[in-house]
Amino acid sequence: MIEFLYHDGIQKEIAALERRFRRIRDGLSAFELLCEVQFHPTNPRQVIAPAKIHRITQNDVWTMWKIELVIPDSGLRPNQYPRMWFAVKGAIIVSLCISTHVDNYNEIEMNQLARSRITDLF
């Protein structure tokens, strides 16, 4: 029911992270399953803990979120999980960008990158 799209930029970021975290795609699959329930268009239910998902910004068309992406068997502690920015517009969820604290990402720069990528899609 929900359509998942991936910006070209995040595809490259996922490929780069996959070299270090072999099961990142398993984490993405689990994320999609959770989103099917959390952002269901007619009957949404909270299944992602509020501490793990953060609303970044929104407008009349879409809402941008950031989530801690759990990667199974990665050896990472929960505070080390990659952060992924995504946007929700009705029944469409678009993954925008991803980075890790291990790579010492800049929060402001990642928010700006996500905003610039969202304009490519919505």
C-alpha atoms as a PDB file:
ATOM      1  CA  MET A   1       0.000   0.000   0.000  1.00  0.00           C
ATOM      2  CA  ILE A   2       2.828   2.430   0.791  1.00  0.00           C
ATOM      3  CA  GLU A   3       5.264   3.192  -2.003  1.00  0.00           C
ATOM      4  CA  PHE A   4       8.948   3.453  -1.030  1.00  0.00           C
ATOM      5  CA  LEU A   5      11.298   5.532  -3.139  1.00  0.00           C
ATOM      6  CA  TYR A   6      15.014   6.158  -2.731  1.00  0.00           C
ATOM      7  CA  HIS A   7      16.775   9.309  -3.912  1.00  0.00           C
ATOM      8  CA  ASP A   8      19.778   8.560  -6.144  1.00  0.00           C
ATOM      9  CA  GLY A   9      22.073  10.159  -3.561  1.00  0.00           C
ATOM     10  CA  ILE A  10      21.022   7.807  -0.770  1.00  0.00           C
ATOM     11  CA  GLN A  11      21.530   4.819  -3.053  1.00  0.00           C
ATOM     12  CA  LYS A  12      25.225   5.754  -3.246  1.00  0.00           C
ATOM     13  CA  GLU A  13      25.418   6.368   0.505  1.00  0.00           C
ATOM     14  CA  ILE A  14      23.844   2.976   1.227  1.00  0.00           C
ATOM     15  CA  ALA A  15      26.315   1.262  -1.122  1.00  0.00           C
ATOM     16  CA  ALA A  16      29.220   2.931   0.690  1.00  0.00           C
ATOM     17  CA  LEU A  17      27.867   1.948   4.115  1.00  0.00           C
ATOM     18  CA  GLU A  18      27.214  -1.598   2.921  1.00  0.00           C
ATOM     19  CA  ARG A  19      30.974  -2.176   2.722  1.00  0.00           C
ATOM     20  CA  ARG A  20      31.175  -1.682   6.502  1.00  0.00           C
ATOM     21  CA  PHE A  21      27.719  -2.876   7.533  1.00  0.00           C
ATOM     22  CA  ARG A  22      26.852  -5.898   5.408  1.00  0.00           C
ATOM     23  CA  ARG A  23      23.295  -6.169   6.708  1.00  0.00           C
ATOM     24  CA  ILE A  24      22.239  -2.558   6.153  1.00  0.00           C
ATOM     25  CA  ARG A  25      19.664  -3.701   3.588  1.00  0.00           C
ATOM     26  CA  ASP A  26      18.093  -5.918   6.269  1.00  0.00           C
ATOM     27  CA  GLY A  27      17.768  -2.802   8.402  1.00  0.00           C
ATOM     28  CA  LEU A  28      16.135  -0.957   5.506  1.00  0.00           C
ATOM     29  CA  SER A  29      13.667  -3.810   4.993  1.00  0.00           C
ATOM     30  CA  ALA A  30      12.733  -3.732   8.685  1.00  0.00           C
ATOM     31  CA  PHE A  31      12.349   0.052   8.463  1.00  0.00           C
ATOM     32  CA  GLU A  32       9.924  -0.328   5.542  1.00  0.00           C
ATOM     33  CA  LEU A  33       7.834  -2.869   7.466  1.00  0.00           C
ATOM     34  CA  LEU A  34       7.599  -0.529  10.451  1.00  0.00           C
ATOM     35  CA  CYS A  35       6.661   2.382   8.192  1.00  0.00           C
ATOM     36  CA  GLU A  36       3.826   0.330   6.681  1.00  0.00           C
ATOM     37  CA  VAL A  37       2.195   0.485  10.127  1.00  0.00           C
ATOM     38  CA  GLN A  38       3.486   3.826  11.484  1.00  0.00           C
ATOM     39  CA  PHE A  39       2.509   5.848   8.393  1.00  0.00           C
ATOM     40  CA  HIS A  40      -0.455   3.804   7.153  1.00  0.00           C
ATOM     41  CA  PRO A  41      -2.670   6.266   5.210  1.00  0.00           C
ATOM     42  CA  THR A  42      -5.957   5.293   6.866  1.00  0.00           C
ATOM     43  CA  ASN A  43      -5.038   3.526  10.113  1.00  0.00           C
ATOM     44  CA  PRO A  44      -1.619   4.649  11.401  1.00  0.00           C
ATOM     45  CA  ARG A  45      -0.327   3.133  14.632  1.00  0.00           C
ATOM     46  CA  GLN A  46       2.773   4.123  16.556  1.00  0.00           C
ATOM     47  CA  VAL A  47       5.267   1.253  16.385  1.00  0.00           C
ATOM     48  CA  ILE A  48       8.489   3.267  16.288  1.00  0.00           C
ATOM     49  CA  ALA A  49       9.490   4.614  19.694  1.00  0.00           C
ATOM     50  CA  PRO A  50       9.337   8.418  19.923  1.00  0.00           C
ATOM     51  CA  ALA A  51      12.991   8.481  21.022  1.00  0.00           C
ATOM     52  CA  LYS A  52      14.024   6.780  17.757  1.00  0.00           C
ATOM     53  CA  ILE A  53      12.148   8.960  15.265  1.00  0.00           C
ATOM     54  CA  HIS A  54      12.270  12.755  15.071  1.00  0.00           C
ATOM     55  CA  ARG A  55      10.216  15.117  12.949  1.00  0.00           C
ATOM     56  CA  ILE A  56      12.606  17.577  11.297  1.00  0.00           C
ATOM     57  CA  THR A  57      10.210  19.829   9.403  1.00  0.00           C
ATOM     58  CA  GLN A  58       6.939  19.800   7.542  1.00  0.00           C
ATOM     59  CA  ASN A  59       4.787  21.817   5.219  1.00  0.00           C
ATOM     60  CA  ASP A  60       1.355  21.357   3.644  1.00  0.00           C
ATOM     61  CA  VAL A  61       2.668  18.700   1.259  1.00  0.00           C
ATOM     62  CA  TRP A  62       5.191  16.514   3.125  1.00  0.00           C
ATOM     63  CA  THR A  63       6.790  15.833   6.507  1.00  0.00           C
ATOM     64  CA  MET A  64      10.511  15.157   6.910  1.00  0.00           C
ATOM     65  CA  TRP A  65      11.711  12.724   9.562  1.00  0.00           C
ATOM     66  CA  LYS A  66      14.990  11.362  10.890  1.00  0.00           C
ATOM     67  CA  ILE A  67      15.261   7.847  12.295  1.00  0.00           C
ATOM     68  CA  GLU A  68      17.905   5.695  13.905  1.00  0.00           C
ATOM     69  CA  LEU A  69      18.247   2.827  11.443  1.00  0.00           C
ATOM     70  CA  VAL A  70      18.839  -0.426  13.302  1.00  0.00           C
ATOM     71  CA  ILE A  71      21.323  -2.687  11.528  1.00  0.00           C
ATOM     72  CA  PRO A  72      21.134  -6.300  12.733  1.00  0.00           C
ATOM     73  CA  ASP A  73      24.368  -7.987  13.829  1.00  0.00           C
ATOM     74  CA  SER A  74      26.397  -4.854  13.115  1.00  0.00           C
ATOM     75  CA  GLY A  75      28.174  -4.696  16.460  1.00  0.00           C
ATOM     76  CA  LEU A  76      26.994  -1.105  16.840  1.00  0.00           C
ATOM     77  CA  ARG A  77      25.540   0.283  20.031  1.00  0.00           C
ATOM     78  CA  PRO A  78      22.135   1.970  19.618  1.00  0.00           C
ATOM     79  CA  ASN A  79      23.649   5.465  19.759  1.00  0.00           C
ATOM     80  CA  GLN A  80      25.957   4.473  16.867  1.00  0.00           C
ATOM     81  CA  TYR A  81      23.240   3.359  14.449  1.00  0.00           C
ATOM     82  CA  PRO A  82      23.125   5.342  11.201  1.00  0.00           C
ATOM     83  CA  ARG A  83      20.638   8.189  11.011  1.00  0.00           C
ATOM     84  CA  MET A  84      18.407   8.258   7.961  1.00  0.00           C
ATOM     85  CA  TRP A  85      16.357  11.220   6.752  1.00  0.00           C
ATOM     86  CA  PHE A  86      13.129  10.502   4.899  1.00  0.00           C
ATOM     87  CA  ALA A  87       9.969  12.288   3.850  1.00  0.00           C
ATOM     88  CA  VAL A  88       6.357  11.189   3.946  1.00  0.00           C
ATOM     89  CA  LYS A  89       3.733  12.468   1.525  1.00  0.00           C
ATOM     90  CA  GLY A  90       0.479  10.537   1.830  1.00  0.00           C
ATOM     91  CA  ALA A  91       1.253   6.940   0.869  1.00  0.00           C
ATOM     92  CA  ILE A  92       4.739   7.743  -0.459  1.00  0.00           C
ATOM     93  CA  ILE A  93       7.879   7.509   1.651  1.00  0.00           C
ATOM     94  CA  VAL A  94      11.115   8.775   0.149  1.00  0.00           C
ATOM     95  CA  SER A  95      14.481   7.987   1.739  1.00  0.00           C
ATOM     96  CA  LEU A  96      16.685  11.037   1.296  1.00  0.00           C
ATOM     97  CA  CYS A  97      20.076  10.616   2.972  1.00  0.00           C
ATOM     98  CA  ILE A  98      21.910   8.553   5.570  1.00  0.00           C
ATOM     99  CA  SER A  99      25.016   9.023   7.701  1.00  0.00           C
ATOM    100  CA  THR A 100      26.572   7.751  10.914  1.00  0.00           C
ATOM    101  CA  HIS A 101      28.053   9.231  14.060  1.00  0.00           C
ATOM    102  CA  VAL A 102      31.041   7.012  13.312  1.00  0.00           C
ATOM    103  CA  ASP A 103      31.583   9.311  10.291  1.00  0.00           C
ATOM    104  CA  ASN A 104      30.995  12.362  12.495  1.00  0.00           C
ATOM    105  CA  TYR A 105      28.197  13.847  10.376  1.00  0.00           C
ATOM    106  CA  ASN A 106      27.058  17.442  10.794  1.00  0.00           C
ATOM    107  CA  GLU A 107      23.371  17.648  11.736  1.00  0.00           C
ATOM    108  CA  ILE A 108      22.775  21.016  10.069  1.00  0.00           C
ATOM    109  CA  GLU A 109      24.456  19.941   6.822  1.00  0.00           C
ATOM    110  CA  MET A 110      22.483  16.693   6.717  1.00  0.00           C
ATOM    111  CA  ASN A 111      19.192  18.553   7.280  1.00  0.00           C
ATOM    112  CA  GLN A 112      20.082  20.912   4.401  1.00  0.00           C
ATOM    113  CA  LEU A 113      21.055  17.979   2.170  1.00  0.00           C
ATOM    114  CA  ALA A 114      17.742  16.245   2.910  1.00  0.00           C
ATOM    115  CA  ARG A 115      15.813  19.447   2.122  1.00  0.00           C
ATOM    116  CA  SER A 116      17.646  19.885  -1.167  1.00  0.00           C
ATOM    117  CA  ARG A 117      16.974  16.267  -2.151  1.00  0.00           C
ATOM    118  CA  ILE A 118      13.304  16.447  -1.264  1.00  0.00           C
ATOM    119  CA  THR A 119      12.809  19.190  -3.862  1.00  0.00           C
ATOM    120  CA  ASP A 120      14.042  16.727  -6.504  1.00  0.00           C
ATOM    121  CA  LEU A 121      11.124  14.421  -5.732  1.00  0.00           C
ATOM    122  CA  PHE A 122       8.169  16.486  -4.453  1.00  0.00           C
END
